Amino acid sequence: SKALNFINPDELSMQCILIALNRFLQEKHGSKMAFLDGNPPERLCKPIADHIESLGGQVILNSRIQKIELNADKSVKHFVLTNGNIITGDAYVFATPVDILKLLLPEDWKEISYFKKLDKLVGVPVIKC
């Protein structure tokens, strides 16, 4: 129940937990599980966002990137969001599932050795109950 935003265990079917554990334990390193001492948004995401903002950065949530536009030198010019907004910055943190990242990766980056490593990276489906 901790991973599900501290839903009261009396309100949560253990079938969800058993399905998740069964799925993870079938993985090669599935026994290496850990749990946060609170819900993920509060214990994992918020400290990261707070740190970025403390350094003068901006955290934009609930926004989908449509395209990564590049400069002539193949550095990031800006992000184009699906709502038409353009995001510019000195540095970018792009939090997305690996499968989405692979789809949005600019063609000019696909042959760069750093990004070629993504070919071997397989996304893990999220288990939701």
N, C-alpha and C. Protein backbone atom coordinates (compact mmCIF):
# COMPACT_ATOMS: atom_id res chain seq x y z
N SER A 1 0.83 -1.20 0.00
CA SER A 1 0.00 0.00 0.00
C SER A 1 0.86 1.25 0.00
N LYS A 2 2.13 1.15 0.45
CA LYS A 2 3.01 2.32 0.45
C LYS A 2 3.24 2.83 -0.97
N ALA A 3 3.49 1.91 -1.90
CA ALA A 3 3.78 2.32 -3.27
C ALA A 3 2.57 2.93 -3.95
N LEU A 4 1.40 2.69 -3.42
CA LEU A 4 0.17 3.20 -4.01
C LEU A 4 -0.36 4.39 -3.20
N ASN A 5 0.55 5.29 -2.85
CA ASN A 5 0.19 6.53 -2.15
C ASN A 5 -0.45 6.30 -0.79
N PHE A 6 0.00 5.29 -0.08
CA PHE A 6 -0.47 5.00 1.27
C PHE A 6 -1.97 4.73 1.34
N ILE A 7 -2.47 4.03 0.34
CA ILE A 7 -3.86 3.59 0.41
C ILE A 7 -3.97 2.67 1.61
N ASN A 8 -5.02 2.81 2.36
CA ASN A 8 -5.25 1.98 3.53
C ASN A 8 -5.27 0.52 3.10
N PRO A 9 -4.47 -0.34 3.75
CA PRO A 9 -4.43 -1.75 3.36
C PRO A 9 -5.80 -2.42 3.35
N ASP A 10 -6.72 -1.95 4.18
CA ASP A 10 -8.06 -2.53 4.20
C ASP A 10 -8.84 -2.20 2.92
N GLU A 11 -8.37 -1.20 2.19
CA GLU A 11 -9.05 -0.78 0.96
C GLU A 11 -8.33 -1.27 -0.29
N LEU A 12 -7.28 -2.05 -0.12
CA LEU A 12 -6.46 -2.49 -1.23
C LEU A 12 -6.50 -4.00 -1.35
N SER A 13 -6.78 -4.49 -2.53
CA SER A 13 -6.78 -5.92 -2.75
C SER A 13 -5.33 -6.41 -2.80
N MET A 14 -5.04 -7.44 -2.08
CA MET A 14 -3.68 -8.01 -2.09
C MET A 14 -3.36 -8.65 -3.43
N GLN A 15 -4.38 -8.83 -4.27
CA GLN A 15 -4.13 -9.35 -5.61
C GLN A 15 -3.18 -8.42 -6.36
N CYS A 16 -3.33 -7.12 -6.17
CA CYS A 16 -2.43 -6.15 -6.82
C CYS A 16 -0.98 -6.40 -6.40
N ILE A 17 -0.77 -6.57 -5.10
CA ILE A 17 0.57 -6.77 -4.59
C ILE A 17 1.14 -8.09 -5.08
N LEU A 18 0.33 -9.14 -5.07
CA LEU A 18 0.81 -10.46 -5.52
C LEU A 18 1.15 -10.44 -7.01
N ILE A 19 0.35 -9.76 -7.82
CA ILE A 19 0.65 -9.65 -9.25
C ILE A 19 1.97 -8.92 -9.44
N ALA A 20 2.16 -7.82 -8.72
CA ALA A 20 3.40 -7.04 -8.84
C ALA A 20 4.60 -7.87 -8.40
N LEU A 21 4.51 -8.49 -7.25
CA LEU A 21 5.63 -9.30 -6.75
C LEU A 21 5.94 -10.45 -7.70
N ASN A 22 4.92 -11.12 -8.19
CA ASN A 22 5.13 -12.21 -9.13
C ASN A 22 5.84 -11.73 -10.38
N ARG A 23 5.44 -10.57 -10.88
CA ARG A 23 6.06 -10.00 -12.09
C ARG A 23 7.53 -9.69 -11.84
N PHE A 24 7.83 -9.01 -10.74
CA PHE A 24 9.21 -8.62 -10.46
C PHE A 24 10.08 -9.82 -10.13
N LEU A 25 9.56 -10.79 -9.44
CA LEU A 25 10.38 -11.94 -9.05
C LEU A 25 10.72 -12.83 -10.24
N GLN A 26 10.03 -12.67 -11.35
CA GLN A 26 10.37 -13.42 -12.56
C GLN A 26 11.53 -12.79 -13.32
N GLU A 27 11.87 -11.56 -12.97
CA GLU A 27 12.99 -10.87 -13.61
C GLU A 27 14.31 -11.38 -13.06
N LYS A 28 15.38 -11.23 -13.82
CA LYS A 28 16.70 -11.72 -13.43
C LYS A 28 17.13 -11.17 -12.06
N HIS A 29 16.95 -9.90 -11.85
CA HIS A 29 17.34 -9.28 -10.58
C HIS A 29 16.10 -8.84 -9.80
N GLY A 30 15.02 -9.56 -9.99
CA GLY A 30 13.75 -9.20 -9.36
C GLY A 30 13.76 -9.22 -7.85
N SER A 31 14.66 -9.99 -7.27
CA SER A 31 14.68 -10.05 -5.80
C SER A 31 15.31 -8.80 -5.19
N LYS A 32 15.87 -7.94 -6.02
CA LYS A 32 16.47 -6.70 -5.54
C LYS A 32 15.42 -5.60 -5.56
N MET A 33 14.46 -5.71 -4.67
CA MET A 33 13.40 -4.72 -4.58
C MET A 33 13.64 -3.83 -3.38
N ALA A 34 13.13 -2.63 -3.47
CA ALA A 34 13.21 -1.70 -2.34
C ALA A 34 11.92 -0.88 -2.33
N PHE A 35 11.65 -0.32 -1.20
CA PHE A 35 10.45 0.48 -1.07
C PHE A 35 10.81 1.83 -0.48
N LEU A 36 10.11 2.86 -0.92
CA LEU A 36 10.29 4.19 -0.36
C LEU A 36 9.60 4.26 0.99
N ASP A 37 10.04 5.17 1.82
CA ASP A 37 9.40 5.35 3.12
C ASP A 37 8.28 6.39 3.03
N GLY A 38 7.57 6.35 1.94
CA GLY A 38 6.46 7.27 1.71
C GLY A 38 6.02 7.12 0.26
N ASN A 39 5.07 7.95 -0.15
CA ASN A 39 4.61 7.83 -1.53
C ASN A 39 5.63 8.44 -2.48
N PRO A 40 5.74 7.90 -3.70
CA PRO A 40 6.78 8.34 -4.64
C PRO A 40 6.79 9.84 -4.97
N PRO A 41 5.63 10.46 -5.21
CA PRO A 41 5.70 11.90 -5.52
C PRO A 41 6.32 12.72 -4.39
N GLU A 42 5.99 12.36 -3.16
CA GLU A 42 6.48 13.13 -2.01
C GLU A 42 7.92 12.79 -1.65
N ARG A 43 8.29 11.53 -1.69
CA ARG A 43 9.60 11.09 -1.20
C ARG A 43 10.67 11.03 -2.28
N LEU A 44 10.28 10.93 -3.53
CA LEU A 44 11.26 10.81 -4.62
C LEU A 44 11.25 12.04 -5.54
N CYS A 45 10.11 12.36 -6.06
CA CYS A 45 10.02 13.44 -7.06
C CYS A 45 10.17 14.83 -6.45
N LYS A 46 9.50 15.08 -5.34
CA LYS A 46 9.54 16.42 -4.74
C LYS A 46 10.94 16.88 -4.36
N PRO A 47 11.77 16.03 -3.73
CA PRO A 47 13.13 16.49 -3.42
C PRO A 47 13.95 16.83 -4.68
N ILE A 48 13.74 16.09 -5.74
CA ILE A 48 14.45 16.38 -7.00
C ILE A 48 13.98 17.73 -7.55
N ALA A 49 12.66 17.92 -7.60
CA ALA A 49 12.11 19.19 -8.10
C ALA A 49 12.55 20.36 -7.22
N ASP A 50 12.54 20.17 -5.90
CA ASP A 50 12.98 21.23 -4.98
C ASP A 50 14.44 21.61 -5.24
N HIS A 51 15.27 20.61 -5.49
CA HIS A 51 16.70 20.87 -5.75
C HIS A 51 16.88 21.66 -7.05
N ILE A 52 16.18 21.26 -8.09
CA ILE A 52 16.26 21.97 -9.37
C ILE A 52 15.83 23.42 -9.19
N GLU A 53 14.71 23.62 -8.49
CA GLU A 53 14.19 24.98 -8.28
C GLU A 53 15.12 25.80 -7.39
N SER A 54 15.79 25.15 -6.42
CA SER A 54 16.70 25.89 -5.54
C SER A 54 17.91 26.42 -6.30
N LEU A 55 18.20 25.82 -7.44
CA LEU A 55 19.32 26.27 -8.29
C LEU A 55 18.86 27.20 -9.40
N GLY A 56 17.60 27.65 -9.34
CA GLY A 56 17.08 28.59 -10.32
C GLY A 56 16.39 27.94 -11.49
N GLY A 57 16.26 26.63 -11.47
CA GLY A 57 15.58 25.92 -12.56
C GLY A 57 14.07 25.99 -12.41
N GLN A 58 13.40 25.52 -13.43
CA GLN A 58 11.95 25.49 -13.44
C GLN A 58 11.50 24.07 -13.72
N VAL A 59 10.53 23.59 -12.98
CA VAL A 59 9.97 22.26 -13.18
C VAL A 59 8.59 22.43 -13.78
N ILE A 60 8.40 21.85 -14.94
CA ILE A 60 7.11 21.95 -15.64
C ILE A 60 6.50 20.56 -15.65
N LEU A 61 5.34 20.43 -15.02
CA LEU A 61 4.68 19.14 -14.91
C LEU A 61 3.50 19.04 -15.88
N ASN A 62 3.06 17.83 -16.09
CA ASN A 62 1.86 17.56 -16.91
C ASN A 62 1.95 18.21 -18.28
N SER A 63 3.12 18.13 -18.88
CA SER A 63 3.35 18.69 -20.21
C SER A 63 3.99 17.61 -21.07
N ARG A 64 3.51 17.49 -22.28
CA ARG A 64 4.04 16.46 -23.17
C ARG A 64 4.91 17.10 -24.25
N ILE A 65 6.06 16.53 -24.46
CA ILE A 65 6.96 17.04 -25.49
C ILE A 65 6.58 16.43 -26.83
N GLN A 66 6.42 17.30 -27.81
CA GLN A 66 6.09 16.85 -29.16
C GLN A 66 7.36 16.63 -29.97
N LYS A 67 8.36 17.52 -29.75
CA LYS A 67 9.56 17.45 -30.57
C LYS A 67 10.72 18.13 -29.85
N ILE A 68 11.92 17.58 -30.05
CA ILE A 68 13.14 18.21 -29.57
C ILE A 68 13.79 18.87 -30.79
N GLU A 69 13.81 20.20 -30.81
CA GLU A 69 14.43 20.94 -31.93
C GLU A 69 15.91 21.13 -31.62
N LEU A 70 16.75 20.97 -32.63
CA LEU A 70 18.20 21.08 -32.45
C LEU A 70 18.76 22.30 -33.16
N ASN A 71 19.89 22.78 -32.63
CA ASN A 71 20.70 23.80 -33.30
C ASN A 71 21.54 23.11 -34.37
N ALA A 72 22.26 23.90 -35.18
CA ALA A 72 23.11 23.35 -36.23
C ALA A 72 24.21 22.44 -35.66
N ASP A 73 24.65 22.72 -34.41
CA ASP A 73 25.69 21.90 -33.80
C ASP A 73 25.14 20.67 -33.07
N LYS A 74 23.85 20.39 -33.27
CA LYS A 74 23.14 19.23 -32.69
C LYS A 74 22.87 19.36 -31.19
N SER A 75 23.05 20.55 -30.62
CA SER A 75 22.64 20.79 -29.23
C SER A 75 21.15 21.15 -29.23
N VAL A 76 20.53 21.10 -28.07
CA VAL A 76 19.09 21.38 -27.98
C VAL A 76 18.83 22.87 -28.17
N LYS A 77 17.98 23.17 -29.12
CA LYS A 77 17.54 24.55 -29.35
C LYS A 77 16.37 24.84 -28.41
N HIS A 78 15.37 23.96 -28.43
CA HIS A 78 14.23 24.06 -27.54
C HIS A 78 13.37 22.80 -27.65
N PHE A 79 12.45 22.68 -26.70
CA PHE A 79 11.44 21.62 -26.74
C PHE A 79 10.15 22.25 -27.23
N VAL A 80 9.44 21.55 -28.09
CA VAL A 80 8.10 21.97 -28.52
C VAL A 80 7.11 21.06 -27.80
N LEU A 81 6.21 21.66 -27.04
CA LEU A 81 5.20 20.89 -26.32
C LEU A 81 3.98 20.66 -27.20
N THR A 82 3.19 19.65 -26.86
CA THR A 82 2.00 19.35 -27.66
C THR A 82 0.97 20.48 -27.64
N ASN A 83 1.03 21.35 -26.62
CA ASN A 83 0.11 22.49 -26.57
C ASN A 83 0.64 23.70 -27.36
N GLY A 84 1.80 23.52 -28.03
CA GLY A 84 2.37 24.59 -28.85
C GLY A 84 3.41 25.44 -28.14
N ASN A 85 3.49 25.35 -26.83
CA ASN A 85 4.49 26.13 -26.09
C ASN A 85 5.89 25.66 -26.44
N ILE A 86 6.83 26.60 -26.38
CA ILE A 86 8.24 26.30 -26.63
C ILE A 86 9.00 26.52 -25.33
N ILE A 87 9.79 25.52 -24.95
CA ILE A 87 10.58 25.57 -23.72
C ILE A 87 12.05 25.69 -24.08
N THR A 88 12.70 26.74 -23.58
CA THR A 88 14.13 26.91 -23.81
C THR A 88 14.85 26.92 -22.47
N GLY A 89 16.11 26.55 -22.49
CA GLY A 89 16.89 26.55 -21.26
C GLY A 89 18.36 26.28 -21.54
N ASP A 90 19.14 26.34 -20.48
CA ASP A 90 20.57 26.03 -20.57
C ASP A 90 20.81 24.54 -20.42
N ALA A 91 19.95 23.87 -19.66
CA ALA A 91 20.04 22.42 -19.45
C ALA A 91 18.62 21.89 -19.33
N TYR A 92 18.43 20.63 -19.68
CA TYR A 92 17.10 20.03 -19.68
C TYR A 92 17.13 18.69 -18.95
N VAL A 93 16.08 18.41 -18.21
CA VAL A 93 15.84 17.10 -17.64
C VAL A 93 14.53 16.63 -18.24
N PHE A 94 14.59 15.49 -18.89
CA PHE A 94 13.45 14.97 -19.64
C PHE A 94 13.02 13.68 -18.97
N ALA A 95 11.97 13.72 -18.16
CA ALA A 95 11.51 12.54 -17.42
C ALA A 95 10.40 11.86 -18.22
N THR A 96 10.74 10.73 -18.81
CA THR A 96 9.78 10.02 -19.64
C THR A 96 10.15 8.55 -19.70
N PRO A 97 9.19 7.70 -19.99
CA PRO A 97 9.54 6.29 -20.19
C PRO A 97 10.49 6.14 -21.38
N VAL A 98 11.34 5.13 -21.31
CA VAL A 98 12.36 4.94 -22.34
C VAL A 98 11.75 4.77 -23.73
N ASP A 99 10.61 4.12 -23.84
CA ASP A 99 9.99 3.92 -25.15
C ASP A 99 9.58 5.24 -25.79
N ILE A 100 9.10 6.18 -24.98
CA ILE A 100 8.73 7.51 -25.49
C ILE A 100 9.99 8.28 -25.88
N LEU A 101 11.03 8.17 -25.07
CA LEU A 101 12.30 8.84 -25.40
C LEU A 101 12.82 8.36 -26.75
N LYS A 102 12.75 7.07 -26.99
CA LYS A 102 13.22 6.53 -28.27
C LYS A 102 12.44 7.11 -29.44
N LEU A 103 11.14 7.32 -29.25
CA LEU A 103 10.31 7.90 -30.32
C LEU A 103 10.63 9.37 -30.57
N LEU A 104 10.95 10.10 -29.51
CA LEU A 104 11.19 11.55 -29.63
C LEU A 104 12.63 11.91 -29.93
N LEU A 105 13.53 10.95 -29.88
CA LEU A 105 14.94 11.22 -30.10
C LEU A 105 15.16 11.79 -31.51
N PRO A 106 15.78 12.95 -31.63
CA PRO A 106 16.02 13.52 -32.96
C PRO A 106 16.87 12.58 -33.82
N GLU A 107 16.58 12.55 -35.10
CA GLU A 107 17.33 11.70 -36.04
C GLU A 107 18.83 11.95 -35.96
N ASP A 108 19.23 13.21 -35.81
CA ASP A 108 20.66 13.55 -35.74
C ASP A 108 21.36 12.94 -34.54
N TRP A 109 20.61 12.55 -33.52
CA TRP A 109 21.21 11.97 -32.33
C TRP A 109 21.28 10.45 -32.37
N LYS A 110 20.51 9.82 -33.23
CA LYS A 110 20.39 8.36 -33.21
C LYS A 110 21.69 7.64 -33.53
N GLU A 111 22.61 8.27 -34.22
CA GLU A 111 23.89 7.64 -34.56
C GLU A 111 25.01 7.99 -33.58
N ILE A 112 24.73 8.84 -32.61
CA ILE A 112 25.73 9.20 -31.60
C ILE A 112 25.86 8.02 -30.63
N SER A 113 27.08 7.61 -30.33
CA SER A 113 27.30 6.40 -29.53
C SER A 113 26.57 6.46 -28.18
N TYR A 114 26.53 7.62 -27.56
CA TYR A 114 25.84 7.77 -26.27
C TYR A 114 24.37 7.35 -26.40
N PHE A 115 23.72 7.79 -27.46
CA PHE A 115 22.30 7.49 -27.65
C PHE A 115 22.07 6.12 -28.28
N LYS A 116 23.06 5.56 -28.96
CA LYS A 116 22.94 4.21 -29.52
C LYS A 116 22.71 3.19 -28.40
N LYS A 117 23.19 3.50 -27.20
CA LYS A 117 23.00 2.60 -26.06
C LYS A 117 21.52 2.41 -25.73
N LEU A 118 20.69 3.36 -26.13
CA LEU A 118 19.25 3.23 -25.89
C LEU A 118 18.65 2.04 -26.63
N ASP A 119 19.30 1.62 -27.72
CA ASP A 119 18.79 0.47 -28.48
C ASP A 119 18.69 -0.78 -27.61
N LYS A 120 19.60 -0.92 -26.66
CA LYS A 120 19.62 -2.10 -25.79
C LYS A 120 18.78 -1.93 -24.53
N LEU A 121 18.33 -0.71 -24.29
CA LEU A 121 17.56 -0.43 -23.09
C LEU A 121 16.09 -0.77 -23.34
N VAL A 122 15.55 -1.65 -22.51
CA VAL A 122 14.17 -2.08 -22.67
C VAL A 122 13.33 -1.48 -21.55
N GLY A 123 12.25 -0.89 -21.91
CA GLY A 123 11.35 -0.32 -20.92
C GLY A 123 10.63 -1.42 -20.16
N VAL A 124 10.36 -1.16 -18.90
CA VAL A 124 9.63 -2.11 -18.06
C VAL A 124 8.22 -1.58 -17.90
N PRO A 125 7.23 -2.39 -18.20
CA PRO A 125 5.86 -1.91 -18.04
C PRO A 125 5.53 -1.62 -16.58
N VAL A 126 4.76 -0.58 -16.38
CA VAL A 126 4.37 -0.22 -15.01
C VAL A 126 3.14 -1.04 -14.66
N ILE A 127 3.16 -1.57 -13.46
CA ILE A 127 2.02 -2.37 -13.02
C ILE A 127 1.07 -1.45 -12.27
N LYS A 128 -0.17 -1.40 -12.74
CA LYS A 128 -1.18 -0.57 -12.09
C LYS A 128 -2.33 -1.47 -11.71
N CYS A 129 -2.90 -1.23 -10.57
CA CYS A 129 -4.04 -2.05 -10.12
C CYS A 129 -5.26 -1.17 -9.98
